[in-house]
Amino acid sequence: MLALSRTRVARRCSPTSRLAISPISQQIRSYATRTRAAEILGTAGNALLIGSVVTLFGYITYTLYDNLFAEHGTTRIYNQSLDLVRANPQIKELFGTSIMGFGEPSHGQRQRQRAISHRQYEDAEGRNCLVMQYYIEDATKMRGERGVVKLEMTEAGGAWDYSFIVVDVYRNGQVAGRIDVLVTEEFKTRVRAEEKEKRSRRFSPKVSGGSWVSVLNPATWRR
């Protein structure tokens, strides 16, 4: 009996039994490690994705604000200066009342919607300046003149103001003259009031299509 008991104990504690259990434990540990690594990678991937989306949204928001709403935004300056040019009596006499503004000229009509040429720099006095150039012509194509609008704005005391707006008039590919658009506070105030009145009539509920529905009508868009 004593010999039999020793044999059973020896079998239970033999190296062969421990080796049979060891691979199972290693497989469990390996599976747990892989699972943990997958969870870490998944969390890191989600964080990276969220960070990328937030960064992209911030960039788009900043770009829209800088171009559309900032005082020195290129889109805002283009729209405001085009209103001032259109309101000039000499420009009206040469180009009519339907004046279209566009970027660098090209053969394709769609390509005229390219970005307006502009550049920012710092002058000798350390002030921020912006120069811009774009083109105008009669939208009805009844007149042969084409104008090249050149302007400069300067920042002083945190506010931007026009240094000059000039329009070089071309007729049959030759320079026919230059018009200085006199920009005074009175003139700017009057033009803003006129444009505000035009937009209020354009998007008025009395207009066919309703107020916000008229926004979908291409005829109401700025040209």
C-alpha atoms as a PDB file:
ATOM      1  CA  MET A   1       0.000   0.000   0.000  1.00  0.00           C
ATOM      2  CA  LEU A   2       2.782   2.413   0.893  1.00  0.00           C
ATOM      3  CA  ALA A   3       4.542   1.762  -2.395  1.00  0.00           C
ATOM      4  CA  LEU A   4       1.329   2.380  -4.354  1.00  0.00           C
ATOM      5  CA  SER A   5       0.726   5.713  -2.608  1.00  0.00           C
ATOM      6  CA  ARG A   6       4.232   6.896  -3.395  1.00  0.00           C
ATOM      7  CA  THR A   7       3.734   5.955  -7.035  1.00  0.00           C
ATOM      8  CA  ARG A   8       0.536   8.047  -7.274  1.00  0.00           C
ATOM      9  CA  VAL A   9       2.200  11.043  -5.599  1.00  0.00           C
ATOM     10  CA  ALA A  10       5.136  10.743  -7.951  1.00  0.00           C
ATOM     11  CA  ARG A  11       2.782  10.703 -10.953  1.00  0.00           C
ATOM     12  CA  ARG A  12       0.965  13.824  -9.735  1.00  0.00           C
ATOM     13  CA  CYS A  13       4.200  15.753  -9.268  1.00  0.00           C
ATOM     14  CA  SER A  14       6.036  14.444 -12.272  1.00  0.00           C
ATOM     15  CA  PRO A  15       7.545  16.925 -14.790  1.00  0.00           C
ATOM     16  CA  THR A  16       5.457  15.351 -17.539  1.00  0.00           C
ATOM     17  CA  SER A  17       2.221  16.530 -15.884  1.00  0.00           C
ATOM     18  CA  ARG A  18       3.532  20.097 -15.445  1.00  0.00           C
ATOM     19  CA  LEU A  19       4.636  20.229 -19.089  1.00  0.00           C
ATOM     20  CA  ALA A  20       1.157  19.139 -20.174  1.00  0.00           C
ATOM     21  CA  ILE A  21      -0.467  22.090 -18.331  1.00  0.00           C
ATOM     22  CA  SER A  22       2.130  24.756 -19.229  1.00  0.00           C
ATOM     23  CA  PRO A  23       1.235  25.227 -22.977  1.00  0.00           C
ATOM     24  CA  ILE A  24      -2.413  25.904 -22.066  1.00  0.00           C
ATOM     25  CA  SER A  25      -1.386  28.660 -19.647  1.00  0.00           C
ATOM     26  CA  GLN A  26       0.902  30.170 -22.260  1.00  0.00           C
ATOM     27  CA  GLN A  27      -1.929  30.188 -24.818  1.00  0.00           C
ATOM     28  CA  ILE A  28      -4.236  31.960 -22.353  1.00  0.00           C
ATOM     29  CA  ARG A  29      -1.596  34.601 -21.592  1.00  0.00           C
ATOM     30  CA  SER A  30      -0.862  35.081 -25.313  1.00  0.00           C
ATOM     31  CA  TYR A  31      -4.563  35.517 -26.109  1.00  0.00           C
ATOM     32  CA  ALA A  32      -4.972  38.026 -23.283  1.00  0.00           C
ATOM     33  CA  THR A  33      -1.945  39.981 -24.528  1.00  0.00           C
ATOM     34  CA  ARG A  34      -3.258  40.084 -28.079  1.00  0.00           C
ATOM     35  CA  THR A  35      -6.680  41.171 -26.896  1.00  0.00           C
ATOM     36  CA  ARG A  36      -5.192  43.941 -24.776  1.00  0.00           C
ATOM     37  CA  ALA A  37      -3.000  45.126 -27.650  1.00  0.00           C
ATOM     38  CA  ALA A  38      -6.005  45.183 -29.986  1.00  0.00           C
ATOM     39  CA  GLU A  39      -7.966  47.274 -27.463  1.00  0.00           C
ATOM     40  CA  ILE A  40      -5.083  49.753 -27.131  1.00  0.00           C
ATOM     41  CA  LEU A  41      -4.705  50.038 -30.901  1.00  0.00           C
ATOM     42  CA  GLY A  42      -8.460  50.505 -31.313  1.00  0.00           C
ATOM     43  CA  THR A  43      -8.543  53.257 -28.686  1.00  0.00           C
ATOM     44  CA  ALA A  44      -5.544  54.993 -30.235  1.00  0.00           C
ATOM     45  CA  GLY A  45      -7.111  54.762 -33.702  1.00  0.00           C
ATOM     46  CA  ASN A  46     -10.382  56.269 -32.475  1.00  0.00           C
ATOM     47  CA  ALA A  47      -8.521  59.090 -30.725  1.00  0.00           C
ATOM     48  CA  LEU A  48      -6.511  59.783 -33.876  1.00  0.00           C
ATOM     49  CA  LEU A  49      -9.669  59.833 -36.000  1.00  0.00           C
ATOM     50  CA  ILE A  50     -11.463  62.198 -33.629  1.00  0.00           C
ATOM     51  CA  GLY A  51      -8.409  64.457 -33.474  1.00  0.00           C
ATOM     52  CA  SER A  52      -8.193  64.568 -37.270  1.00  0.00           C
ATOM     53  CA  VAL A  53     -11.887  65.454 -37.600  1.00  0.00           C
ATOM     54  CA  VAL A  54     -11.612  68.217 -34.996  1.00  0.00           C
ATOM     55  CA  THR A  55      -8.500  69.623 -36.687  1.00  0.00           C
ATOM     56  CA  LEU A  56     -10.159  69.569 -40.124  1.00  0.00           C
ATOM     57  CA  PHE A  57     -13.304  71.232 -38.758  1.00  0.00           C
ATOM     58  CA  GLY A  58     -11.209  73.919 -37.071  1.00  0.00           C
ATOM     59  CA  TYR A  59      -9.275  74.593 -40.275  1.00  0.00           C
ATOM     60  CA  ILE A  60     -12.471  74.876 -42.332  1.00  0.00           C
ATOM     61  CA  THR A  61     -14.059  77.182 -39.747  1.00  0.00           C
ATOM     62  CA  TYR A  62     -10.979  79.410 -39.635  1.00  0.00           C
ATOM     63  CA  THR A  63     -10.748  79.558 -43.433  1.00  0.00           C
ATOM     64  CA  LEU A  64     -14.419  80.486 -43.800  1.00  0.00           C
ATOM     65  CA  TYR A  65     -14.159  83.167 -41.132  1.00  0.00           C
ATOM     66  CA  ASP A  66     -10.911  84.563 -42.515  1.00  0.00           C
ATOM     67  CA  ASN A  67     -12.324  84.816 -46.048  1.00  0.00           C
ATOM     68  CA  LEU A  68     -15.964  85.731 -45.448  1.00  0.00           C
ATOM     69  CA  PHE A  69     -16.230  87.570 -42.141  1.00  0.00           C
ATOM     70  CA  ALA A  70     -12.820  88.967 -41.189  1.00  0.00           C
ATOM     71  CA  GLU A  71     -12.366  92.647 -42.039  1.00  0.00           C
ATOM     72  CA  HIS A  72      -9.368  91.796 -44.227  1.00  0.00           C
ATOM     73  CA  GLY A  73     -10.955  88.644 -45.681  1.00  0.00           C
ATOM     74  CA  THR A  74     -10.374  88.427 -49.418  1.00  0.00           C
ATOM     75  CA  THR A  75     -13.966  87.469 -50.268  1.00  0.00           C
ATOM     76  CA  ARG A  76     -15.366  90.263 -48.151  1.00  0.00           C
ATOM     77  CA  ILE A  77     -12.991  92.854 -49.630  1.00  0.00           C
ATOM     78  CA  TYR A  78     -13.779  91.669 -53.153  1.00  0.00           C
ATOM     79  CA  ASN A  79     -17.537  91.966 -52.613  1.00  0.00           C
ATOM     80  CA  GLN A  80     -17.335  95.353 -50.887  1.00  0.00           C
ATOM     81  CA  SER A  81     -14.932  96.865 -53.408  1.00  0.00           C
ATOM     82  CA  LEU A  82     -17.014  95.551 -56.313  1.00  0.00           C
ATOM     83  CA  ASP A  83     -20.039  97.341 -54.850  1.00  0.00           C
ATOM     84  CA  LEU A  84     -18.010 100.563 -54.650  1.00  0.00           C
ATOM     85  CA  VAL A  85     -16.797 100.163 -58.238  1.00  0.00           C
ATOM     86  CA  ARG A  86     -20.303  99.494 -59.532  1.00  0.00           C
ATOM     87  CA  ALA A  87     -21.608 102.622 -57.786  1.00  0.00           C
ATOM     88  CA  ASN A  88     -19.054 104.922 -59.426  1.00  0.00           C
ATOM     89  CA  PRO A  89     -20.781 107.187 -62.014  1.00  0.00           C
ATOM     90  CA  GLN A  90     -17.935 106.941 -64.558  1.00  0.00           C
ATOM     91  CA  ILE A  91     -17.923 103.158 -64.316  1.00  0.00           C
ATOM     92  CA  LYS A  92     -21.681 103.076 -64.843  1.00  0.00           C
ATOM     93  CA  GLU A  93     -21.339 105.253 -67.923  1.00  0.00           C
ATOM     94  CA  LEU A  94     -18.730 102.969 -69.488  1.00  0.00           C
ATOM     95  CA  PHE A  95     -19.893  99.526 -68.362  1.00  0.00           C
ATOM     96  CA  GLY A  96     -23.602 100.038 -67.719  1.00  0.00           C
ATOM     97  CA  THR A  97     -25.528  98.943 -64.654  1.00  0.00           C
ATOM     98  CA  SER A  98     -24.986  95.179 -65.086  1.00  0.00           C
ATOM     99  CA  ILE A  99     -21.330  94.827 -64.131  1.00  0.00           C
ATOM    100  CA  MET A 100     -19.797  91.403 -63.571  1.00  0.00           C
ATOM    101  CA  GLY A 101     -16.608  90.822 -61.569  1.00  0.00           C
ATOM    102  CA  PHE A 102     -14.325  87.800 -61.974  1.00  0.00           C
ATOM    103  CA  GLY A 103     -10.811  86.503 -61.436  1.00  0.00           C
ATOM    104  CA  GLU A 104      -8.026  85.986 -63.934  1.00  0.00           C
ATOM    105  CA  PRO A 105      -9.584  85.752 -67.424  1.00  0.00           C
ATOM    106  CA  SER A 106      -9.520  82.456 -69.279  1.00  0.00           C
ATOM    107  CA  HIS A 107     -11.172  80.767 -72.239  1.00  0.00           C
ATOM    108  CA  GLY A 108     -13.581  78.769 -70.090  1.00  0.00           C
ATOM    109  CA  GLN A 109     -16.567  80.438 -68.440  1.00  0.00           C
ATOM    110  CA  ARG A 110     -16.295  78.204 -65.369  1.00  0.00           C
ATOM    111  CA  GLN A 111     -12.638  79.015 -64.881  1.00  0.00           C
ATOM    112  CA  ARG A 112     -13.542  82.662 -64.325  1.00  0.00           C
ATOM    113  CA  GLN A 113     -14.600  81.702 -60.826  1.00  0.00           C
ATOM    114  CA  ARG A 114     -10.996  81.104 -59.806  1.00  0.00           C
ATOM    115  CA  ALA A 115      -9.563  82.792 -56.716  1.00  0.00           C
ATOM    116  CA  ILE A 116      -9.059  86.536 -56.876  1.00  0.00           C
ATOM    117  CA  SER A 117      -5.415  87.569 -57.156  1.00  0.00           C
ATOM    118  CA  HIS A 118      -4.250  89.156 -53.890  1.00  0.00           C
ATOM    119  CA  ARG A 119      -1.167  89.512 -51.714  1.00  0.00           C
ATOM    120  CA  GLN A 120      -0.496  90.624 -48.144  1.00  0.00           C
ATOM    121  CA  TYR A 121       2.722  92.312 -47.072  1.00  0.00           C
ATOM    122  CA  GLU A 122       4.209  94.635 -44.453  1.00  0.00           C
ATOM    123  CA  ASP A 123       5.238  98.127 -45.509  1.00  0.00           C
ATOM    124  CA  ALA A 124       8.247 100.157 -44.361  1.00  0.00           C
ATOM    125  CA  GLU A 125       6.292 101.493 -41.379  1.00  0.00           C
ATOM    126  CA  GLY A 126       5.411  98.010 -40.189  1.00  0.00           C
ATOM    127  CA  ARG A 127       1.731  98.208 -41.211  1.00  0.00           C
ATOM    128  CA  ASN A 128      -0.118  95.248 -42.714  1.00  0.00           C
ATOM    129  CA  CYS A 129      -1.183  95.890 -46.299  1.00  0.00           C
ATOM    130  CA  LEU A 130      -3.230  93.969 -48.848  1.00  0.00           C
ATOM    131  CA  VAL A 131      -3.270  94.434 -52.620  1.00  0.00           C
ATOM    132  CA  MET A 132      -5.875  92.853 -54.875  1.00  0.00           C
ATOM    133  CA  GLN A 133      -6.615  92.672 -58.568  1.00  0.00           C
ATOM    134  CA  TYR A 134      -9.659  91.422 -60.459  1.00  0.00           C
ATOM    135  CA  TYR A 135     -11.597  92.165 -63.630  1.00  0.00           C
ATOM    136  CA  ILE A 136     -14.965  93.663 -64.555  1.00  0.00           C
ATOM    137  CA  GLU A 137     -17.026  93.777 -67.713  1.00  0.00           C
ATOM    138  CA  ASP A 138     -20.572  94.329 -68.888  1.00  0.00           C
ATOM    139  CA  ALA A 139     -22.579  91.238 -68.004  1.00  0.00           C
ATOM    140  CA  THR A 140     -24.830  91.744 -71.043  1.00  0.00           C
ATOM    141  CA  LYS A 141     -21.814  91.610 -73.418  1.00  0.00           C
ATOM    142  CA  MET A 142     -23.186  94.695 -75.197  1.00  0.00           C
ATOM    143  CA  ARG A 143     -20.099  96.787 -74.478  1.00  0.00           C
ATOM    144  CA  GLY A 144     -16.528  96.050 -75.513  1.00  0.00           C
ATOM    145  CA  GLU A 145     -14.768  97.579 -72.520  1.00  0.00           C
ATOM    146  CA  ARG A 146     -13.018  95.516 -69.886  1.00  0.00           C
ATOM    147  CA  GLY A 147     -11.739  96.894 -66.616  1.00  0.00           C
ATOM    148  CA  VAL A 148      -8.861  95.810 -64.392  1.00  0.00           C
ATOM    149  CA  VAL A 149      -9.582  96.733 -60.780  1.00  0.00           C
ATOM    150  CA  LYS A 150      -6.561  97.327 -58.550  1.00  0.00           C
ATOM    151  CA  LEU A 151      -6.847  98.201 -54.896  1.00  0.00           C
ATOM    152  CA  GLU A 152      -4.800  98.433 -51.747  1.00  0.00           C
ATOM    153  CA  MET A 153      -5.897  98.316 -48.116  1.00  0.00           C
ATOM    154  CA  THR A 154      -3.852  99.268 -45.064  1.00  0.00           C
ATOM    155  CA  GLU A 155      -4.356  98.343 -41.423  1.00  0.00           C
ATOM    156  CA  ALA A 156      -4.092 101.214 -38.955  1.00  0.00           C
ATOM    157  CA  GLY A 157      -5.119 100.993 -35.324  1.00  0.00           C
ATOM    158  CA  GLY A 158      -6.640  97.560 -35.833  1.00  0.00           C
ATOM    159  CA  ALA A 159      -8.936  98.768 -38.638  1.00  0.00           C
ATOM    160  CA  TRP A 160      -8.528  98.229 -42.371  1.00  0.00           C
ATOM    161  CA  ASP A 161      -9.200 101.017 -44.864  1.00  0.00           C
ATOM    162  CA  TYR A 162      -8.722 101.596 -48.580  1.00  0.00           C
ATOM    163  CA  SER A 163      -5.572 103.333 -49.714  1.00  0.00           C
ATOM    164  CA  PHE A 164      -6.881 103.461 -53.289  1.00  0.00           C
ATOM    165  CA  ILE A 165      -9.141 101.762 -55.834  1.00  0.00           C
ATOM    166  CA  VAL A 166      -8.354 102.328 -59.506  1.00  0.00           C
ATOM    167  CA  VAL A 167      -9.832 100.788 -62.632  1.00  0.00           C
ATOM    168  CA  ASP A 168      -7.743 100.544 -65.796  1.00  0.00           C
ATOM    169  CA  VAL A 169     -10.123 100.547 -68.750  1.00  0.00           C
ATOM    170  CA  TYR A 170      -9.242  98.478 -71.830  1.00  0.00           C
ATOM    171  CA  ARG A 171     -10.912  98.805 -75.210  1.00  0.00           C
ATOM    172  CA  ASN A 172      -9.987  96.452 -78.061  1.00  0.00           C
ATOM    173  CA  GLY A 173      -7.039  95.209 -76.025  1.00  0.00           C
ATOM    174  CA  GLN A 174      -5.594  98.703 -75.583  1.00  0.00           C
ATOM    175  CA  VAL A 175      -5.533 100.889 -72.480  1.00  0.00           C
ATOM    176  CA  ALA A 176      -8.226 103.549 -72.888  1.00  0.00           C
ATOM    177  CA  GLY A 177      -7.845 105.297 -69.537  1.00  0.00           C
ATOM    178  CA  ARG A 178      -7.863 105.004 -65.774  1.00  0.00           C
ATOM    179  CA  ILE A 179     -10.662 105.805 -63.314  1.00  0.00           C
ATOM    180  CA  ASP A 180      -9.954 106.614 -59.677  1.00  0.00           C
ATOM    181  CA  VAL A 181     -12.753 105.393 -57.437  1.00  0.00           C
ATOM    182  CA  LEU A 182     -12.914 108.021 -54.704  1.00  0.00           C
ATOM    183  CA  VAL A 183     -13.578 106.126 -51.482  1.00  0.00           C
ATOM    184  CA  THR A 184     -14.899 108.376 -48.711  1.00  0.00           C
ATOM    185  CA  GLU A 185     -16.822 107.405 -45.594  1.00  0.00           C
ATOM    186  CA  GLU A 186     -19.911 109.111 -46.988  1.00  0.00           C
ATOM    187  CA  PHE A 187     -19.611 107.194 -50.245  1.00  0.00           C
ATOM    188  CA  LYS A 188     -19.076 103.857 -48.478  1.00  0.00           C
ATOM    189  CA  THR A 189     -22.037 104.466 -46.171  1.00  0.00           C
ATOM    190  CA  ARG A 190     -24.299 105.327 -49.105  1.00  0.00           C
ATOM    191  CA  VAL A 191     -23.209 102.255 -51.089  1.00  0.00           C
ATOM    192  CA  ARG A 192     -23.725  99.946 -48.098  1.00  0.00           C
ATOM    193  CA  ALA A 193     -27.218 101.362 -47.594  1.00  0.00           C
ATOM    194  CA  GLU A 194     -28.067 100.880 -51.272  1.00  0.00           C
ATOM    195  CA  GLU A 195     -26.773  97.298 -51.317  1.00  0.00           C
ATOM    196  CA  LYS A 196     -28.658  96.491 -48.116  1.00  0.00           C
ATOM    197  CA  GLU A 197     -31.833  97.834 -49.690  1.00  0.00           C
ATOM    198  CA  LYS A 198     -31.250  95.781 -52.840  1.00  0.00           C
ATOM    199  CA  ARG A 199     -30.718  92.580 -50.836  1.00  0.00           C
ATOM    200  CA  SER A 200     -33.796  93.209 -48.709  1.00  0.00           C
ATOM    201  CA  ARG A 201     -35.906  93.602 -51.861  1.00  0.00           C
ATOM    202  CA  ARG A 202     -34.234  90.606 -53.508  1.00  0.00           C
ATOM    203  CA  PHE A 203     -34.962  88.245 -50.612  1.00  0.00           C
ATOM    204  CA  SER A 204     -38.266  89.776 -49.618  1.00  0.00           C
ATOM    205  CA  PRO A 205     -41.312  87.461 -49.229  1.00  0.00           C
ATOM    206  CA  LYS A 206     -43.021  89.653 -51.826  1.00  0.00           C
ATOM    207  CA  VAL A 207     -40.545  88.388 -54.398  1.00  0.00           C
ATOM    208  CA  SER A 208     -41.724  85.300 -56.285  1.00  0.00           C
ATOM    209  CA  GLY A 209     -40.534  82.201 -54.486  1.00  0.00           C
ATOM    210  CA  GLY A 210     -40.561  83.573 -50.946  1.00  0.00           C
ATOM    211  CA  SER A 211     -37.742  84.901 -48.775  1.00  0.00           C
ATOM    212  CA  TRP A 212     -35.447  81.949 -48.143  1.00  0.00           C
ATOM    213  CA  VAL A 213     -36.644  80.108 -51.221  1.00  0.00           C
ATOM    214  CA  SER A 214     -35.333  82.946 -53.392  1.00  0.00           C
ATOM    215  CA  VAL A 215     -31.831  82.097 -52.216  1.00  0.00           C
ATOM    216  CA  LEU A 216     -32.074  78.973 -54.335  1.00  0.00           C
ATOM    217  CA  ASN A 217     -32.723  81.067 -57.434  1.00  0.00           C
ATOM    218  CA  PRO A 218     -29.406  81.685 -59.279  1.00  0.00           C
ATOM    219  CA  ALA A 219     -30.773  84.979 -60.586  1.00  0.00           C
ATOM    220  CA  THR A 220     -30.557  86.401 -57.049  1.00  0.00           C
ATOM    221  CA  TRP A 221     -26.888  85.524 -56.540  1.00  0.00           C
ATOM    222  CA  ARG A 222     -24.113  88.111 -56.683  1.00  0.00           C
ATOM    223  CA  ARG A 223     -22.448  88.049 -60.077  1.00  0.00           C
END
